[in-house]
Amino acid sequence: MLYTEGHKKIADMTPTEFEMLGLNVLKGYAETEGLKDFKITHNKKIKTSDGRYQIDVYAEFTALGTKIKVLCECKKYKNRVNRDKVTVLHKKLESIGAHKGILISTSDYQSGAIKYAEAHGIALIRANDYNYNLVSHSSGTLDLNTDDPFVYL
């Protein structure tokens, strides 16, 4: 459960507070998994050869001797997330050379956004006051029989 007594409901959060909630969820996941050399940053600005990008939540950790980069965008929306928002995240992944993308939203996703995310390995998550619902797993498939704790947030 994400909402507990004494904490703000997601509906009452500012967009920045929602981004910090996303950061804390990812940080908790990293701690649960014991990720090596884990670092996480809010509102990261990254300069690449084709421009400068702002990332809501940026994380790095080491696995198999490789630095893994994760980009997470947090969208506090009332309307369904369209494909364009997922496409923008995918383009950021390519430009920055990141390995995984996660989009957390307070609203549902349009079918085109889900299809695009599945095709490009982007995780889509819907957040509400009481839980996170995994819409599309980062592997492109959703296996509810997995031991992955992120599935059960």
Protein backbone atom coordinates (compact mmCIF):
# COMPACT_ATOMS: atom_id res chain seq x y z
CA MET A 1 0.00 0.00 0.00
CA LEU A 2 1.42 3.38 -0.97
CA TYR A 3 -0.97 5.55 0.97
CA THR A 4 -0.80 5.28 4.73
CA GLU A 5 -2.19 7.34 7.57
CA GLY A 6 -0.45 10.71 7.79
CA HIS A 7 0.74 10.73 4.17
CA LYS A 8 -0.70 12.70 1.31
CA LYS A 9 -2.90 10.97 -1.19
CA ILE A 10 -1.52 10.99 -4.72
CA ALA A 11 -4.47 13.12 -5.88
CA ASP A 12 -3.39 15.81 -3.41
CA MET A 13 0.30 15.77 -4.39
CA THR A 14 2.01 18.31 -6.59
CA PRO A 15 3.73 16.91 -9.69
CA THR A 16 7.10 17.27 -7.92
CA GLU A 17 5.82 15.36 -4.88
CA PHE A 18 4.57 12.63 -7.24
CA GLU A 19 8.04 12.45 -8.82
CA MET A 20 9.57 12.06 -5.35
CA LEU A 21 7.11 9.25 -4.62
CA GLY A 22 8.31 7.52 -7.81
CA LEU A 23 11.91 8.02 -6.70
CA ASN A 24 11.17 6.51 -3.28
CA VAL A 25 9.42 3.50 -4.81
CA LEU A 26 12.39 2.81 -7.09
CA LYS A 27 14.82 3.36 -4.22
CA GLY A 28 12.88 0.88 -2.08
CA TYR A 29 12.93 -1.65 -4.91
CA ALA A 30 16.70 -1.21 -5.29
CA GLU A 31 17.20 -1.76 -1.56
CA THR A 32 15.01 -4.89 -1.65
CA GLU A 33 17.01 -6.26 -4.57
CA GLY A 34 20.35 -5.23 -3.08
CA LEU A 35 21.48 -3.46 -6.25
CA LYS A 36 25.21 -2.75 -6.28
CA ASP A 37 26.44 0.87 -6.43
CA PHE A 38 22.86 2.14 -6.64
CA LYS A 39 22.48 5.91 -7.10
CA ILE A 40 19.25 7.77 -7.74
CA THR A 41 18.64 11.42 -8.61
CA HIS A 42 15.57 13.60 -8.97
CA ASN A 43 15.32 16.13 -11.80
CA LYS A 44 18.54 15.05 -13.53
CA LYS A 45 19.78 17.10 -16.48
CA ILE A 46 21.84 15.21 -19.02
CA LYS A 47 23.64 16.73 -21.99
CA THR A 48 24.12 14.55 -25.09
CA SER A 49 25.37 15.18 -28.61
CA ASP A 50 21.84 15.99 -29.77
CA GLY A 51 20.68 18.18 -26.89
CA ARG A 52 19.99 18.50 -23.20
CA TYR A 53 17.40 16.32 -21.47
CA GLN A 54 15.58 16.61 -18.16
CA ILE A 55 14.74 13.30 -16.45
CA ASP A 56 12.28 13.14 -13.55
CA VAL A 57 14.09 10.22 -11.85
CA TYR A 58 17.46 8.88 -12.99
CA ALA A 59 19.05 5.80 -11.46
CA GLU A 60 22.28 3.88 -11.96
CA PHE A 61 23.53 0.59 -10.58
CA THR A 62 26.12 -2.02 -11.43
CA ALA A 63 25.26 -5.47 -12.74
CA LEU A 64 27.64 -7.95 -14.35
CA GLY A 65 30.37 -5.31 -14.22
CA THR A 66 28.28 -2.88 -16.26
CA LYS A 67 26.76 0.44 -15.23
CA ILE A 68 23.01 0.19 -15.89
CA LYS A 69 21.12 3.45 -16.47
CA VAL A 70 17.38 3.73 -15.80
CA LEU A 71 15.17 6.66 -16.80
CA CYS A 72 11.84 7.16 -15.07
CA GLU A 73 9.27 9.73 -16.08
CA CYS A 74 6.40 10.48 -13.68
CA LYS A 75 3.19 11.90 -15.16
CA LYS A 76 0.47 13.24 -12.88
CA TYR A 77 -2.29 13.32 -15.48
CA LYS A 78 -6.06 13.15 -15.50
CA ASN A 79 -6.29 12.04 -19.14
CA ARG A 80 -4.97 8.76 -20.51
CA VAL A 81 -1.29 8.76 -21.51
CA ASN A 82 -0.88 8.70 -25.27
CA ARG A 83 1.78 7.06 -27.42
CA ASP A 84 3.68 10.33 -27.87
CA LYS A 85 4.70 10.38 -24.17
CA VAL A 86 6.11 6.85 -24.43
CA THR A 87 7.86 7.72 -27.72
CA VAL A 88 9.55 10.71 -26.08
CA LEU A 89 10.84 8.49 -23.28
CA HIS A 90 12.14 5.97 -25.84
CA LYS A 91 13.99 8.72 -27.73
CA LYS A 92 15.55 9.90 -24.44
CA LEU A 93 16.69 6.32 -23.76
CA GLU A 94 18.37 6.15 -27.15
CA SER A 95 20.04 9.57 -26.90
CA ILE A 96 21.32 9.08 -23.36
CA GLY A 97 22.31 5.45 -23.91
CA ALA A 98 20.15 4.28 -21.02
CA HIS A 99 19.17 0.65 -20.62
CA LYS A 100 15.63 0.83 -19.20
CA GLY A 101 12.72 3.22 -19.22
CA ILE A 102 9.83 3.41 -16.78
CA LEU A 103 6.80 5.64 -17.08
CA ILE A 104 4.66 6.05 -13.95
CA SER A 105 1.31 7.76 -14.39
CA THR A 106 -1.72 8.60 -12.30
CA SER A 107 -3.93 7.82 -15.29
CA ASP A 108 -4.49 4.90 -17.65
CA TYR A 109 -2.63 4.40 -20.92
CA GLN A 110 -4.04 4.47 -24.44
CA SER A 111 -3.71 1.18 -26.33
CA GLY A 112 -1.15 2.69 -28.72
CA ALA A 113 1.03 3.72 -25.78
CA ILE A 114 0.89 0.19 -24.37
CA LYS A 115 1.74 -1.43 -27.71
CA TYR A 116 4.67 0.95 -28.25
CA ALA A 117 5.99 0.35 -24.72
CA GLU A 118 5.78 -3.43 -25.15
CA ALA A 119 7.61 -3.24 -28.48
CA HIS A 120 10.44 -1.17 -26.96
CA GLY A 121 10.74 -2.75 -23.49
CA ILE A 122 9.43 0.23 -21.54
CA ALA A 123 7.64 -0.43 -18.26
CA LEU A 124 4.31 1.34 -17.81
CA ILE A 125 2.93 1.69 -14.30
CA ARG A 126 -0.31 3.21 -13.09
CA ALA A 127 -0.21 4.67 -9.60
CA ASN A 128 -3.09 5.35 -7.27
CA ASP A 129 -3.33 5.93 -3.55
CA TYR A 130 -3.34 2.27 -2.63
CA ASN A 131 -1.10 0.47 -5.14
CA TYR A 132 0.87 0.51 -8.35
CA ASN A 133 -0.53 -1.50 -11.25
CA LEU A 134 1.96 -2.80 -13.77
CA VAL A 135 0.49 -2.21 -17.23
CA SER A 136 3.48 -3.31 -19.30
CA HIS A 137 6.57 -4.97 -17.84
CA SER A 138 9.95 -3.78 -19.04
CA SER A 139 10.57 -7.12 -20.72
CA GLY A 140 7.52 -6.48 -22.90
CA THR A 141 5.55 -9.28 -21.28
CA LEU A 142 3.76 -9.51 -17.97
CA ASP A 143 4.24 -12.75 -16.06
CA LEU A 144 2.16 -12.70 -12.88
CA ASN A 145 3.83 -15.93 -11.73
CA THR A 146 7.19 -14.20 -11.36
CA ASP A 147 8.99 -13.53 -8.07
CA ASP A 148 9.78 -9.97 -9.21
CA PRO A 149 8.73 -7.75 -6.29
CA PHE A 150 8.05 -4.83 -8.65
CA VAL A 151 5.08 -6.74 -10.06
CA TYR A 152 3.54 -6.79 -6.60
CA LEU A 153 4.07 -3.16 -5.51
